[in-house]
Structures are given as structure tokens and as C-alpha cells.
Amino acid sequence: MDIDIADDIDRPGLDPRDQRRRAVIGSSVGTIIEWYDFTLYGLASALVFAPLFFPGGGDFAGLLGAFATFAVGFGARPIGGLVFAHFGDRIGRKGTLLATLLMMGIATTLIGLLPTAETIGIWAPILLIVLRLFQGAGAGAEFAGAMTMASESSDTRNRAFIAGFPGASVYLGMALATSTFALISLLPSDQFQAWGWRIPFIASIVIVAFALYFRLRVKETAAFEAAEREGTVSHAPLALAVRSHWRTLLAGMAFFVFALPWVYIVQTFSISYTTGTLTVNPTHALIGLIVAELLTIPATLGFGRLADRIGRKPVLLGAAIFAIVFAFPLFLLFQTENSVLVALGLILGLAIVQGATIGVSAAMLAELFPTRMRWSGIAISREIPAALVGGTAPLVATALVGLTGGTPWLVAAYLVGLSVIGVIGIASLPETLPRASATTDAQGTKDAGAAERTPDAASRR
């Protein structure tokens, strides 16, 4: 299985450094809006949506209802991810990413304009779910596409580092959403519930316009253009990925079964748990989360640099093993109800586990799937686990805490079990860095069409 990610070094009429810079910015700004949107929804699910859209069933039932709509968005992620991945591999990266950006941004803005259950009754949660579905469908393709574009616009020597920029942008989007929500939460409670929570959602349209400007300036990737010239673009990339790379897909899905729930447990569930079940000050909890998200940005890029030196698997395995060891201490830190120790738990949970996985996995998966099915392969690997265990993680965690009368140990055990699955998945994947080096010339670049002209081993099988 040869790596066929094309560099722009020989692309006529285009400065490769300028294209690389535009591709990194264009893929990253879309990721910012994706995770700004999703983080807003998660925070609102934990703090706002229960009384406004699911009243009448009590606090616990309302919270379950709010987290259920959070999970619904992840049910739409694989559908949107696979549909858009099909077109991304068939007609190109740029146009498809423009469509995903607009779908996400418009849905998020409309959520901020929704009437509540007090005004329109049952239609309020129904419309919330519909918009959540559109938001999830767009987001399901966005990050896989951003990973694809950033990876295809990098060279072998620093691919994990470059592919880490969209990953780092996840936390910039999270921090932006969390900061905005934290500031709005300083309003008097009645004003926050009445209209304050809407401001961050409506403001999403401004970020979309900003992201759209940069994404329109990005050129199509050289790897996809080379596939078009050589006639290797697949008409059925999803089917091709499943047929020729099913072992890689299963291992990739096992990896994301571990990686994705961590971010949603730490990002979403932990806020409701520490401020609801426990007595941590909500503003202190949000500040701790903001610090964790900001520290995850350099951590993601740093782990990418490390993966470009020692390989992808050692970094990913180290993160999964740390997750197994840290799951119970994470909740011991929360149980102290000390704001500083709670923040420490949030920082370690995000900066170490997610920082070491999000960017490195982008490079590794991009190197495992050839151009004609790359977006599809990444989307299948990521978005099916996102729907099954990612989006449902806060809901499952809330139910487990309810079963144990407020104690979090079943949640910790749940994370340990998922992390063990992740170790198995990572161990089943091949190391891609040595192969990348083998196809690299003295300047750290490679033949853009080599692997497309020579089908990968998995396809020959």
C-alpha cells in the first residue's frame, strides 16, 4: 500500500508554500466553525436546553432530553459524512467543503432564533432536533474533509504537524464557544435564559462569513487534480474503501471508539456533572475548560512534531494507555470539588488524550487511504464511531451517574473499556512513517501520482 499524497512542489503556476498556507488556513477555519457550533450546542445542552425546550419532566429528565438531542446530531454525522465524502472524492475537496461550511453555519444561526417550548410547545424540541440534524450532517463531513485537504497539502517530513492544524483548530473553536458562553453566563439568570444564550448561536453567521472568505481562496489539492488527470477518480469511493480497505476501516473505527468519547465526556458531560451533581461554580468550571482547550492547541501541534520524528503509532498508543490509567483519577479530581483540581483534570483529559490523537490520526489515516478514496476512508473510520459512542457519551454518562446515585465510577469504567478497544485498534494499524520516508526523495517530497499508477496492496488483494 503506497502513499500517494501529492506535494505541490511541481505544480505549474502555483507557489507550493502559498498553496500550503491557504490550504491549512482554509481547512482550519472551517474546523473552527464546526467545533464552535458543536461546542455551543453541547454547552447549551448542559446548561440551557433542558428547561427551555424540555420542560415538565423534571431536571433529570430534561437533561436527558437535552443530551438526547446532542446525540441526535451525531446520528446525522455518518450520513452527512458519507454523502459529502462521496462527492469530495468524486468532484473535489474545495467545492464540497464549501457546502459543508454553509450547512453547519446556517443551522447553528437558526438554532439561536428558535422559539422555546413556552411559545410554540412541542414544535420547539422538534425544530431543535431538525436543525441539529442539519448541523450534524454538515459537521460529519467537515472535519474528515479538513483532514484530507491539510494532509494532501503537506509534505512527508511534517505531515502530522501540518495535519495537526485542523485538529488544533478544534480547540480554538471550542475555546471561542466556551469563552463566549462563559461571558454570556455572567448575565443575570433570567436574562441569560430569556435571550442571552442566543447571542453565541446568532454570532455564528459572522464566523461563517470569515471562514467562507478564506475557503474560497483555496485551490483544489494537487493530489486530487493528479487523480483526475490520470483517470483514477472512483465513481463509488465508499464501496471501494469498504471492499479494499476493510481491515484498516475496522482498526480506524476501533481507534475512534476510544478517542471521540473522551472529548465529549470532558467537554460536555463533565460541566453538567461538576456544576450539577457536584457543587463546582459554573463560571470556574467554564474557565477551567477554556484553559484546557487553549493548552490543547500547542499540545496537538507538539504531538504532531513528535509523530513526525518517532512515528504515528507510539504517540497514539501512548495516548490510549494514558487514558486507561487516567480515567479513574480524572473523576477523583472532580470529586474534590476544588476548582483548581477540576481544571487540572480537564487539562489532562484534553491536552494529553485529545492533543496526542486528533492531529496524528489525521496524518496516519490520510497515509493509509489513496487519493481516490481518502475522504471516504477517513469519514467511515471516524463518523460511524462518532454516532455510536461519541455523541451518545454524555447521555450514557448521565444515565450511569443516575444509576449509581451520583457517583461517577461506572463512567470511569466505561472510559477504560473504550480505551482498551482503542489500544487494540491502534495496534492493528500499520506504522505509516517508515513507508512515507521510503517514498520520499532527498528534498522530502515525492512523486504525486506514484501510488495511483501502482494500485496499493490492499486493492490488489
Protein backbone atom coordinates (compact mmCIF):
# COMPACT_ATOMS: atom_id res chain seq x y z
CA MET A 1 0.00 0.00 0.00
CA ASP A 2 1.95 3.04 -1.23
CA ILE A 3 1.37 6.55 -0.02
CA ASP A 4 0.11 8.79 -2.80
CA ILE A 5 -0.41 12.13 -1.08
CA ALA A 6 0.78 14.71 -3.54
CA ASP A 7 3.00 17.64 -2.76
CA ASP A 8 2.58 20.87 -4.71
CA ILE A 9 6.30 21.18 -5.42
CA ASP A 10 5.92 20.66 -9.17
CA ARG A 11 2.53 22.27 -9.64
CA PRO A 12 2.79 24.75 -12.53
CA GLY A 13 1.88 28.38 -11.85
CA LEU A 14 1.43 27.96 -8.10
CA ASP A 15 3.80 28.68 -5.24
CA PRO A 16 3.65 25.47 -3.18
CA ARG A 17 4.19 27.36 0.07
CA ASP A 18 1.34 29.72 -0.75
CA GLN A 19 -0.98 26.79 -1.56
CA ARG A 20 0.06 25.01 1.61
CA ARG A 21 -0.62 28.10 3.69
CA ARG A 22 -4.00 28.66 2.06
CA ALA A 23 -4.96 25.01 2.44
CA VAL A 24 -4.04 24.98 6.12
CA ILE A 25 -5.95 28.21 6.80
CA GLY A 26 -8.92 27.17 4.66
CA SER A 27 -9.25 23.76 6.29
CA SER A 28 -8.65 25.17 9.77
CA VAL A 29 -11.24 27.98 9.67
CA GLY A 30 -13.94 25.52 8.66
CA THR A 31 -12.93 23.32 11.57
CA ILE A 32 -13.17 26.32 13.90
CA ILE A 33 -16.78 26.96 12.89
CA GLU A 34 -17.61 23.23 13.09
CA TRP A 35 -16.41 22.97 16.67
CA TYR A 36 -17.66 26.39 17.68
CA ASP A 37 -21.11 25.19 16.60
CA PHE A 38 -20.86 21.78 18.24
CA THR A 39 -19.39 23.12 21.47
CA LEU A 40 -22.11 25.74 21.73
CA TYR A 41 -24.72 23.04 21.35
CA GLY A 42 -23.04 20.85 23.94
CA LEU A 43 -22.78 23.67 26.48
CA ALA A 44 -26.36 24.75 25.83
CA SER A 45 -27.46 21.12 26.24
CA ALA A 46 -25.79 21.01 29.64
CA LEU A 47 -26.93 24.43 30.88
CA VAL A 48 -29.90 25.81 28.90
CA PHE A 49 -31.91 23.50 26.65
CA ALA A 50 -33.46 21.31 29.36
CA PRO A 51 -35.73 24.00 30.92
CA LEU A 52 -36.36 25.89 27.65
CA PHE A 53 -37.09 23.04 25.25
CA PHE A 54 -37.84 20.04 27.52
CA PRO A 55 -39.84 21.42 30.48
CA GLY A 56 -42.32 19.49 32.58
CA GLY A 57 -40.40 16.26 33.17
CA GLY A 58 -38.14 17.36 36.00
CA ASP A 59 -34.50 18.40 35.94
CA PHE A 60 -33.02 14.95 35.32
CA ALA A 61 -35.50 14.05 32.55
CA GLY A 62 -34.97 17.45 30.92
CA LEU A 63 -31.20 16.97 30.98
CA LEU A 64 -31.57 13.53 29.40
CA GLY A 65 -33.79 15.08 26.71
CA ALA A 66 -31.24 17.82 26.02
CA PHE A 67 -28.38 15.32 25.79
CA ALA A 68 -30.54 13.11 23.55
CA THR A 69 -30.75 15.95 21.00
CA PHE A 70 -26.97 16.32 21.36
CA ALA A 71 -26.68 12.64 20.43
CA VAL A 72 -29.13 13.05 17.52
CA GLY A 73 -26.64 15.32 15.78
CA PHE A 74 -24.12 12.53 15.87
CA GLY A 75 -26.65 10.19 14.33
CA ALA A 76 -26.66 12.53 11.35
CA ARG A 77 -22.86 12.79 11.24
CA PRO A 78 -22.16 9.50 9.46
CA ILE A 79 -24.97 10.16 6.96
CA GLY A 80 -23.68 13.62 6.10
CA GLY A 81 -20.10 12.46 6.37
CA LEU A 82 -20.53 9.60 3.93
CA VAL A 83 -22.67 11.56 1.45
CA PHE A 84 -20.27 14.50 1.32
CA ALA A 85 -17.23 12.21 1.35
CA HIS A 86 -18.61 10.52 -1.78
CA PHE A 87 -18.72 13.87 -3.56
CA GLY A 88 -15.44 15.03 -2.05
CA ASP A 89 -13.70 12.02 -3.58
CA ARG A 90 -15.63 12.31 -6.86
CA ILE A 91 -15.77 16.03 -7.67
CA GLY A 92 -13.12 17.54 -5.41
CA ARG A 93 -12.28 18.77 -1.95
CA LYS A 94 -12.84 22.51 -2.30
CA GLY A 95 -16.47 22.69 -3.51
CA THR A 96 -17.63 20.01 -1.10
CA LEU A 97 -16.04 21.77 1.87
CA LEU A 98 -17.80 25.00 0.92
CA ALA A 99 -21.15 23.19 1.07
CA THR A 100 -20.45 21.65 4.49
CA LEU A 101 -19.42 25.02 5.90
CA LEU A 102 -22.66 26.72 4.82
CA MET A 103 -24.86 23.88 6.08
CA MET A 104 -23.33 23.96 9.54
CA GLY A 105 -23.28 27.73 9.92
CA ILE A 106 -26.85 28.36 8.78
CA ALA A 107 -28.24 25.60 11.03
CA THR A 108 -26.41 26.98 14.07
CA THR A 109 -27.61 30.52 13.44
CA LEU A 110 -31.21 29.34 13.14
CA ILE A 111 -30.95 27.49 16.47
CA GLY A 112 -30.28 30.88 18.05
CA LEU A 113 -33.55 32.17 16.58
CA LEU A 114 -35.78 29.27 17.67
CA PRO A 115 -38.85 29.95 19.83
CA THR A 116 -38.92 27.91 23.06
CA ALA A 117 -41.48 25.35 24.26
CA GLU A 118 -43.27 28.07 26.22
CA THR A 119 -44.06 29.82 22.91
CA ILE A 120 -44.71 27.01 20.41
CA GLY A 121 -45.00 23.90 22.57
CA ILE A 122 -43.91 20.57 21.13
CA TRP A 123 -42.68 22.24 17.92
CA ALA A 124 -39.77 23.76 19.83
CA PRO A 125 -37.92 20.47 20.52
CA ILE A 126 -38.94 19.14 17.08
CA LEU A 127 -37.40 22.12 15.27
CA LEU A 128 -34.36 21.94 17.53
CA ILE A 129 -33.86 18.32 16.53
CA VAL A 130 -34.28 19.12 12.80
CA LEU A 131 -31.67 21.87 12.94
CA ARG A 132 -29.41 19.63 14.98
CA LEU A 133 -29.67 17.01 12.22
CA PHE A 134 -28.56 19.54 9.58
CA GLN A 135 -25.78 20.74 11.84
CA GLY A 136 -24.62 17.18 12.39
CA ALA A 137 -24.78 16.26 8.70
CA GLY A 138 -22.57 19.18 7.73
CA ALA A 139 -20.14 18.64 10.57
CA GLY A 140 -19.91 14.93 9.79
CA ALA A 141 -18.13 15.72 6.54
CA GLU A 142 -16.31 18.87 7.58
CA PHE A 143 -13.53 17.52 9.74
CA ALA A 144 -12.81 14.47 7.56
CA GLY A 145 -12.56 16.86 4.60
CA ALA A 146 -10.33 19.25 6.52
CA MET A 147 -8.06 16.36 7.50
CA THR A 148 -7.91 15.28 3.85
CA MET A 149 -7.11 18.74 2.49
CA ALA A 150 -4.47 19.55 5.10
CA SER A 151 -2.76 16.17 4.67
CA GLU A 152 -2.74 16.40 0.89
CA SER A 153 -1.21 19.87 1.10
CA SER A 154 1.71 18.83 3.31
CA ASP A 155 4.99 17.08 2.60
CA THR A 156 6.15 13.85 4.18
CA ARG A 157 8.59 15.38 6.64
CA ASN A 158 5.98 17.35 8.61
CA ARG A 159 2.66 15.80 7.66
CA ALA A 160 1.48 15.07 11.23
CA PHE A 161 2.40 18.61 12.23
CA ILE A 162 0.58 20.22 9.27
CA ALA A 163 -2.40 17.86 9.58
CA GLY A 164 -2.49 18.86 13.23
CA PHE A 165 -3.57 22.43 12.41
CA PRO A 166 -7.22 21.48 11.75
CA GLY A 167 -7.01 19.38 14.91
CA ALA A 168 -5.65 22.31 16.90
CA SER A 169 -8.39 24.46 15.38
CA VAL A 170 -10.93 22.15 17.01
CA TYR A 171 -9.86 23.56 20.34
CA LEU A 172 -9.72 27.11 19.09
CA GLY A 173 -13.36 26.70 18.07
CA MET A 174 -14.14 25.09 21.42
CA ALA A 175 -12.35 27.81 23.36
CA LEU A 176 -14.09 30.52 21.35
CA ALA A 177 -17.50 28.97 22.04
CA THR A 178 -16.76 28.30 25.69
CA SER A 179 -15.38 31.81 26.24
CA THR A 180 -18.40 33.38 24.58
CA PHE A 181 -20.77 31.21 26.60
CA ALA A 182 -18.90 31.94 29.83
CA LEU A 183 -19.17 35.70 29.24
CA ILE A 184 -22.85 35.47 28.42
CA SER A 185 -23.44 33.35 31.53
CA LEU A 186 -22.40 36.34 33.65
CA LEU A 187 -25.73 37.95 32.76
CA PRO A 188 -28.46 37.76 35.40
CA SER A 189 -30.04 34.29 35.26
CA ASP A 190 -33.40 35.46 33.91
CA GLN A 191 -31.79 37.45 31.09
CA PHE A 192 -29.42 34.58 30.25
CA GLN A 193 -32.36 32.16 29.98
CA ALA A 194 -34.57 34.64 28.12
CA TRP A 195 -32.20 35.85 25.39
CA GLY A 196 -28.53 35.78 26.40
CA TRP A 197 -27.89 32.19 25.34
CA ARG A 198 -28.99 33.05 21.80
CA ILE A 199 -26.18 35.53 21.14
CA PRO A 200 -23.36 33.00 20.57
CA PHE A 201 -25.54 31.00 18.17
CA ILE A 202 -26.57 34.01 16.10
CA ALA A 203 -22.96 35.23 16.06
CA SER A 204 -22.06 32.03 14.22
CA ILE A 205 -23.01 33.69 10.93
CA VAL A 206 -20.14 36.17 11.35
CA ILE A 207 -17.61 33.37 11.77
CA VAL A 208 -19.08 31.58 8.75
CA ALA A 209 -18.56 34.66 6.58
CA PHE A 210 -14.97 34.91 7.77
CA ALA A 211 -14.35 31.20 7.09
CA LEU A 212 -16.02 31.41 3.68
CA TYR A 213 -13.64 34.17 2.60
CA PHE A 214 -10.57 32.04 3.32
CA ARG A 215 -12.02 28.83 1.95
CA LEU A 216 -12.85 30.45 -1.38
CA ARG A 217 -9.15 31.33 -1.75
CA VAL A 218 -8.03 27.70 -1.50
CA LYS A 219 -7.14 25.83 -4.68
CA GLU A 220 -8.09 22.23 -5.30
CA THR A 221 -5.41 19.89 -3.95
CA ALA A 222 -2.72 18.66 -6.33
CA ALA A 223 -3.38 15.06 -5.30
CA PHE A 224 -7.00 15.21 -6.45
CA GLU A 225 -6.09 17.06 -9.66
CA ALA A 226 -3.48 14.39 -10.40
CA ALA A 227 -6.11 11.68 -9.89
CA GLU A 228 -8.43 13.49 -12.31
CA ARG A 229 -5.70 13.80 -14.95
CA GLU A 230 -4.80 10.14 -14.67
CA GLY A 231 -8.42 8.96 -14.68
CA THR A 232 -8.17 7.26 -11.27
CA VAL A 233 -11.07 9.11 -9.61
CA SER A 234 -13.54 6.49 -8.37
CA HIS A 235 -17.26 6.69 -9.14
CA ALA A 236 -18.01 4.72 -5.97
CA PRO A 237 -15.29 5.64 -3.45
CA LEU A 238 -17.25 4.47 -0.39
CA ALA A 239 -17.77 0.98 -1.80
CA LEU A 240 -14.15 0.86 -2.94
CA ALA A 241 -12.90 1.79 0.53
CA VAL A 242 -15.04 -0.89 2.19
CA ARG A 243 -14.06 -3.54 -0.35
CA SER A 244 -10.32 -2.93 -0.48
CA HIS A 245 -9.51 -1.46 2.96
CA TRP A 246 -11.98 -3.09 5.34
CA ARG A 247 -9.31 -4.14 7.83
CA THR A 248 -7.97 -0.61 8.01
CA LEU A 249 -11.50 0.73 8.43
CA LEU A 250 -12.22 -1.60 11.34
CA ALA A 251 -8.98 -0.69 13.08
CA GLY A 252 -9.61 3.02 12.46
CA MET A 253 -13.11 2.76 13.89
CA ALA A 254 -11.74 0.98 16.98
CA PHE A 255 -9.32 3.86 17.46
CA PHE A 256 -12.08 6.46 17.28
CA VAL A 257 -14.24 4.40 19.67
CA PHE A 258 -11.58 5.37 22.19
CA ALA A 259 -10.69 8.89 21.08
CA LEU A 260 -14.06 10.53 20.48
CA PRO A 261 -15.89 9.82 23.77
CA TRP A 262 -13.06 11.40 25.72
CA VAL A 263 -13.64 14.84 24.24
CA TYR A 264 -17.40 14.70 24.81
CA ILE A 265 -17.11 13.36 28.34
CA VAL A 266 -14.58 16.06 29.25
CA GLN A 267 -16.08 18.83 27.14
CA THR A 268 -19.79 18.33 27.75
CA PHE A 269 -20.68 15.82 30.45
CA SER A 270 -18.06 16.99 32.95
CA ILE A 271 -19.51 20.51 33.01
CA SER A 272 -23.01 19.30 33.88
CA TYR A 273 -21.59 16.77 36.36
CA THR A 274 -19.28 19.13 38.24
CA THR A 275 -21.78 22.01 38.35
CA GLY A 276 -24.98 19.96 38.72
CA THR A 277 -24.32 16.73 40.59
CA LEU A 278 -21.36 18.37 42.35
CA THR A 279 -21.15 21.97 43.56
CA VAL A 280 -18.37 23.49 41.45
CA ASN A 281 -19.01 27.10 40.49
CA PRO A 282 -20.19 27.07 36.82
CA THR A 283 -18.01 30.06 35.89
CA HIS A 284 -14.95 28.41 37.45
CA ALA A 285 -15.69 25.18 35.58
CA LEU A 286 -16.01 27.02 32.26
CA ILE A 287 -12.77 28.94 32.89
CA GLY A 288 -11.00 25.64 33.61
CA LEU A 289 -12.38 24.22 30.38
CA ILE A 290 -11.22 27.26 28.41
CA VAL A 291 -7.68 26.88 29.80
CA ALA A 292 -7.74 23.17 28.91
CA GLU A 293 -8.85 23.92 25.36
CA LEU A 294 -6.22 26.61 24.85
CA LEU A 295 -3.43 24.34 26.14
CA THR A 296 -4.61 21.57 23.81
CA ILE A 297 -3.74 23.74 20.79
CA PRO A 298 0.07 23.70 21.31
CA ALA A 299 -0.17 20.13 22.64
CA THR A 300 -1.75 18.97 19.37
CA LEU A 301 0.97 20.58 17.27
CA GLY A 302 3.69 19.33 19.63
CA PHE A 303 2.46 15.75 19.42
CA GLY A 304 2.36 16.15 15.64
CA ARG A 305 6.03 17.13 15.63
CA LEU A 306 6.79 14.13 17.82
CA ALA A 307 4.88 11.79 15.49
CA ASP A 308 6.89 13.11 12.53
CA ARG A 309 10.05 12.07 14.38
CA ILE A 310 9.24 8.76 16.10
CA GLY A 311 6.18 7.54 14.21
CA ARG A 312 2.40 7.72 14.48
CA LYS A 313 1.74 4.52 16.47
CA PRO A 314 3.92 5.24 19.53
CA VAL A 315 2.17 8.58 20.07
CA LEU A 316 -1.32 7.13 19.61
CA LEU A 317 -0.62 4.09 21.79
CA GLY A 318 0.82 6.33 24.49
CA ALA A 319 -2.37 8.40 24.50
CA ALA A 320 -4.62 5.33 24.76
CA ILE A 321 -2.59 3.82 27.60
CA PHE A 322 -2.62 7.16 29.44
CA ALA A 323 -6.40 7.24 29.03
CA ILE A 324 -6.73 3.82 30.67
CA VAL A 325 -4.58 4.91 33.60
CA PHE A 326 -6.18 8.35 33.99
CA ALA A 327 -9.91 7.55 33.75
CA PHE A 328 -10.45 6.99 37.48
CA PRO A 329 -8.07 9.77 38.66
CA LEU A 330 -9.98 12.16 36.39
CA PHE A 331 -13.13 11.71 38.44
CA LEU A 332 -11.20 11.69 41.72
CA LEU A 333 -10.06 15.20 40.79
CA PHE A 334 -13.66 16.18 40.02
CA GLN A 335 -14.84 14.71 43.34
CA THR A 336 -12.68 17.16 45.29
CA GLU A 337 -14.96 19.98 44.06
CA ASN A 338 -11.85 22.16 44.13
CA SER A 339 -11.89 24.46 41.09
CA VAL A 340 -8.13 24.20 40.54
CA LEU A 341 -8.09 20.38 40.70
CA VAL A 342 -11.17 20.18 38.49
CA ALA A 343 -9.35 22.36 35.96
CA LEU A 344 -6.30 20.07 36.20
CA GLY A 345 -8.48 17.09 35.32
CA LEU A 346 -9.94 18.93 32.34
CA ILE A 347 -6.46 19.98 31.15
CA LEU A 348 -5.00 16.46 31.32
CA GLY A 349 -8.09 14.91 29.76
CA LEU A 350 -7.98 17.20 26.75
CA ALA A 351 -4.34 18.23 26.28
CA ILE A 352 -2.87 14.75 26.67
CA VAL A 353 -5.54 12.38 25.33
CA GLN A 354 -7.03 14.54 22.60
CA GLY A 355 -3.87 16.50 21.86
CA ALA A 356 -1.99 13.29 21.10
CA THR A 357 -4.72 11.75 18.95
CA ILE A 358 -6.53 14.32 16.84
CA GLY A 359 -3.74 15.58 14.58
CA VAL A 360 -1.64 12.41 14.48
CA SER A 361 -4.64 10.30 13.46
CA ALA A 362 -5.33 12.70 10.58
CA ALA A 363 -1.88 12.13 9.09
CA MET A 364 -1.96 8.40 9.70
CA LEU A 365 -5.35 7.83 8.09
CA ALA A 366 -4.50 10.08 5.15
CA GLU A 367 -1.41 7.96 4.55
CA LEU A 368 -3.39 4.72 4.74
CA PHE A 369 -6.01 5.59 2.10
CA PRO A 370 -5.15 6.51 -1.52
CA THR A 371 -6.49 9.69 -3.13
CA ARG A 372 -9.44 8.08 -4.88
CA MET A 373 -10.99 7.03 -1.54
CA ARG A 374 -9.14 9.11 1.08
CA TRP A 375 -12.01 11.33 2.26
CA SER A 376 -14.37 8.34 2.25
CA GLY A 377 -11.97 6.19 4.26
CA ILE A 378 -11.43 8.88 6.88
CA ALA A 379 -15.16 9.61 7.11
CA ILE A 380 -16.12 5.95 7.56
CA SER A 381 -13.42 5.44 10.18
CA ARG A 382 -14.41 8.49 12.16
CA GLU A 383 -18.09 9.24 11.78
CA ILE A 384 -19.62 5.83 12.47
CA PRO A 385 -17.94 5.70 15.91
CA ALA A 386 -18.89 9.36 16.37
CA ALA A 387 -22.55 8.38 16.06
CA LEU A 388 -22.34 5.21 18.14
CA VAL A 389 -20.16 6.25 21.07
CA GLY A 390 -19.13 9.87 20.55
CA GLY A 391 -22.39 11.77 20.57
CA THR A 392 -24.01 9.33 22.97
CA ALA A 393 -21.21 9.62 25.54
CA PRO A 394 -22.78 12.47 27.61
CA LEU A 395 -26.15 10.69 27.53
CA VAL A 396 -24.65 7.36 28.59
CA ALA A 397 -22.53 9.03 31.27
CA THR A 398 -25.55 10.89 32.67
CA ALA A 399 -27.54 7.66 32.81
CA LEU A 400 -24.66 5.81 34.52
CA VAL A 401 -24.36 8.53 37.15
CA GLY A 402 -28.13 8.32 37.69
CA LEU A 403 -27.91 4.55 38.17
CA THR A 404 -25.23 4.89 40.85
CA GLY A 405 -26.89 7.69 42.78
CA GLY A 406 -24.47 10.40 41.69
CA THR A 407 -21.14 8.55 41.79
CA PRO A 408 -19.03 8.56 38.60
CA TRP A 409 -17.21 5.23 38.79
CA LEU A 410 -19.24 3.47 36.12
CA VAL A 411 -18.41 6.37 33.80
CA ALA A 412 -14.71 5.90 34.53
CA ALA A 413 -15.01 2.17 33.87
CA TYR A 414 -16.83 2.95 30.61
CA LEU A 415 -13.91 5.13 29.50
CA VAL A 416 -11.42 2.42 30.43
CA GLY A 417 -13.30 -0.13 28.32
CA LEU A 418 -13.41 2.18 25.31
CA SER A 419 -9.70 2.99 25.71
CA VAL A 420 -8.82 -0.72 25.68
CA ILE A 421 -10.67 -1.03 22.37
CA GLY A 422 -8.59 1.91 21.15
CA VAL A 423 -5.34 0.17 22.06
CA ILE A 424 -6.41 -2.88 20.05
CA GLY A 425 -7.33 -0.72 17.05
CA ILE A 426 -4.09 1.26 17.09
CA ALA A 427 -2.01 -1.91 17.45
CA SER A 428 -3.78 -3.32 14.37
CA LEU A 429 -2.83 -0.37 12.17
CA PRO A 430 0.49 -0.30 10.33
CA GLU A 431 3.05 2.37 11.07
CA THR A 432 2.97 4.80 8.15
CA LEU A 433 6.02 6.97 8.85
CA PRO A 434 8.68 4.48 7.64
CA ARG A 435 6.76 3.90 4.42
CA ALA A 436 6.39 7.64 3.94
CA SER A 437 10.14 8.07 4.31
CA ALA A 438 10.73 5.27 1.81
CA THR A 439 8.79 7.14 -0.88
CA THR A 440 10.42 10.47 -0.17
CA ASP A 441 13.20 11.96 -2.20
CA ALA A 442 16.17 13.91 -0.87
CA GLN A 443 14.15 17.10 -0.60
CA GLY A 444 11.37 15.45 1.41
CA THR A 445 8.88 15.36 -1.50
CA LYS A 446 7.55 12.50 -3.59
CA ASP A 447 6.02 11.60 -6.92
CA ALA A 448 2.44 12.87 -6.82
CA GLY A 449 1.00 10.09 -8.91
CA ALA A 450 3.15 7.13 -7.96
CA ALA A 451 0.62 5.18 -5.97
CA GLU A 452 -2.26 5.97 -8.29
CA ARG A 453 -0.30 4.42 -11.14
CA THR A 454 0.54 1.41 -8.95
CA PRO A 455 -2.53 0.21 -7.06
CA ASP A 456 -1.98 -0.32 -3.35
CA ALA A 457 -1.53 -3.78 -1.94
CA ALA A 458 -4.93 -3.84 -0.34
CA SER A 459 -6.58 -3.12 -3.69
CA ARG A 460 -4.59 -5.91 -5.39
CA ARG A 461 -5.79 -8.33 -2.76
